[in-house]
Amino acid sequence: MGLWTLLEGFLLLANALAILNEDRFLAPRGWSMSEVSGNGQTKSLKGQIVGLIYATQFLRMPLIALNVLIIVVKLVSG
């Protein structure tokens, strides 16, 4: 396993976090930003994970560009 494979794995994880829908998936399970910030749990592990999910959703355009770059490199290198 090389560095390139590790970076691809992190990109796949970021893609998985970016597609999570708050209304359908996060809120029914108590993982919405309003619940975490309302209870003052922003420093807890749950608050940090919810913040990471929202950060990946906020950076969708750079994530799309990174996906395109990875696809092009895979097509060229075989």
Protein backbone atom coordinates (compact mmCIF):
# COMPACT_ATOMS: atom_id res chain seq x y z
CA MET A 1 0.00 0.00 0.00
CA GLY A 2 1.53 3.24 -1.10
CA LEU A 3 0.92 6.88 -0.41
CA TRP A 4 -1.23 7.21 -3.53
CA THR A 5 -3.57 4.44 -2.34
CA LEU A 6 -3.82 6.05 1.08
CA LEU A 7 -4.75 9.41 -0.49
CA GLU A 8 -7.39 7.69 -2.63
CA GLY A 9 -8.83 6.11 0.50
CA PHE A 10 -9.08 9.49 2.23
CA LEU A 11 -10.77 10.89 -0.87
CA LEU A 12 -13.32 8.08 -0.79
CA LEU A 13 -13.98 8.78 2.89
CA ALA A 14 -14.45 12.49 2.15
CA ASN A 15 -16.88 11.58 -0.64
CA ALA A 16 -18.86 9.39 1.75
CA LEU A 17 -19.12 12.19 4.30
CA ALA A 18 -20.04 14.80 1.67
CA ILE A 19 -23.13 12.95 0.46
CA LEU A 20 -24.76 12.50 3.87
CA ASN A 21 -28.07 14.36 3.98
CA GLU A 22 -28.92 16.14 7.22
CA ASP A 23 -32.71 15.86 6.95
CA ARG A 24 -32.83 12.22 5.91
CA PHE A 25 -29.88 10.69 7.71
CA LEU A 26 -28.24 12.88 10.34
CA ALA A 27 -31.14 14.60 12.12
CA PRO A 28 -33.20 11.45 12.90
CA ARG A 29 -30.13 9.98 14.58
CA GLY A 30 -29.29 13.10 16.59
CA TRP A 31 -26.25 14.09 14.52
CA SER A 32 -27.39 17.48 13.22
CA MET A 33 -25.42 20.66 13.82
CA SER A 34 -28.35 22.30 15.61
CA GLU A 35 -28.51 19.53 18.20
CA VAL A 36 -24.78 19.49 18.81
CA SER A 37 -24.39 23.26 19.06
CA GLY A 38 -27.61 23.65 21.07
CA ASN A 39 -26.43 21.25 23.76
CA GLY A 40 -22.95 22.75 23.97
CA GLN A 41 -21.30 19.52 22.79
CA THR A 42 -19.11 21.13 20.13
CA LYS A 43 -15.91 20.00 21.90
CA SER A 44 -17.02 16.37 22.29
CA LEU A 45 -16.13 13.61 19.83
CA LYS A 46 -19.67 13.67 18.43
CA GLY A 47 -19.43 17.43 17.91
CA GLN A 48 -16.08 17.09 16.17
CA ILE A 49 -17.43 14.40 13.82
CA VAL A 50 -20.51 16.50 12.99
CA GLY A 51 -18.20 19.45 12.31
CA LEU A 52 -16.11 17.27 9.97
CA ILE A 53 -19.24 16.19 8.09
CA TYR A 54 -20.32 19.81 7.65
CA ALA A 55 -16.82 20.83 6.54
CA THR A 56 -16.78 18.19 3.81
CA GLN A 57 -20.25 19.24 2.69
CA PHE A 58 -19.11 22.86 2.54
CA LEU A 59 -16.09 21.97 0.37
CA ARG A 60 -17.95 20.01 -2.30
CA MET A 61 -16.53 21.94 -5.28
CA PRO A 62 -12.87 21.29 -4.40
CA LEU A 63 -13.84 17.68 -3.72
CA ILE A 64 -15.34 17.39 -7.19
CA ALA A 65 -12.16 18.84 -8.70
CA LEU A 66 -10.05 16.35 -6.74
CA ASN A 67 -12.23 13.49 -7.96
CA VAL A 68 -11.82 14.62 -11.56
CA LEU A 69 -8.06 14.84 -11.09
CA ILE A 70 -7.90 11.32 -9.64
CA ILE A 71 -10.02 9.94 -12.49
CA VAL A 72 -7.80 11.58 -15.11
CA VAL A 73 -4.63 10.26 -13.46
CA LYS A 74 -6.14 6.76 -13.29
CA LEU A 75 -7.13 6.90 -16.97
CA VAL A 76 -3.69 8.07 -18.06
CA SER A 77 -1.66 5.72 -15.86
CA GLY A 78 -3.80 2.68 -16.44
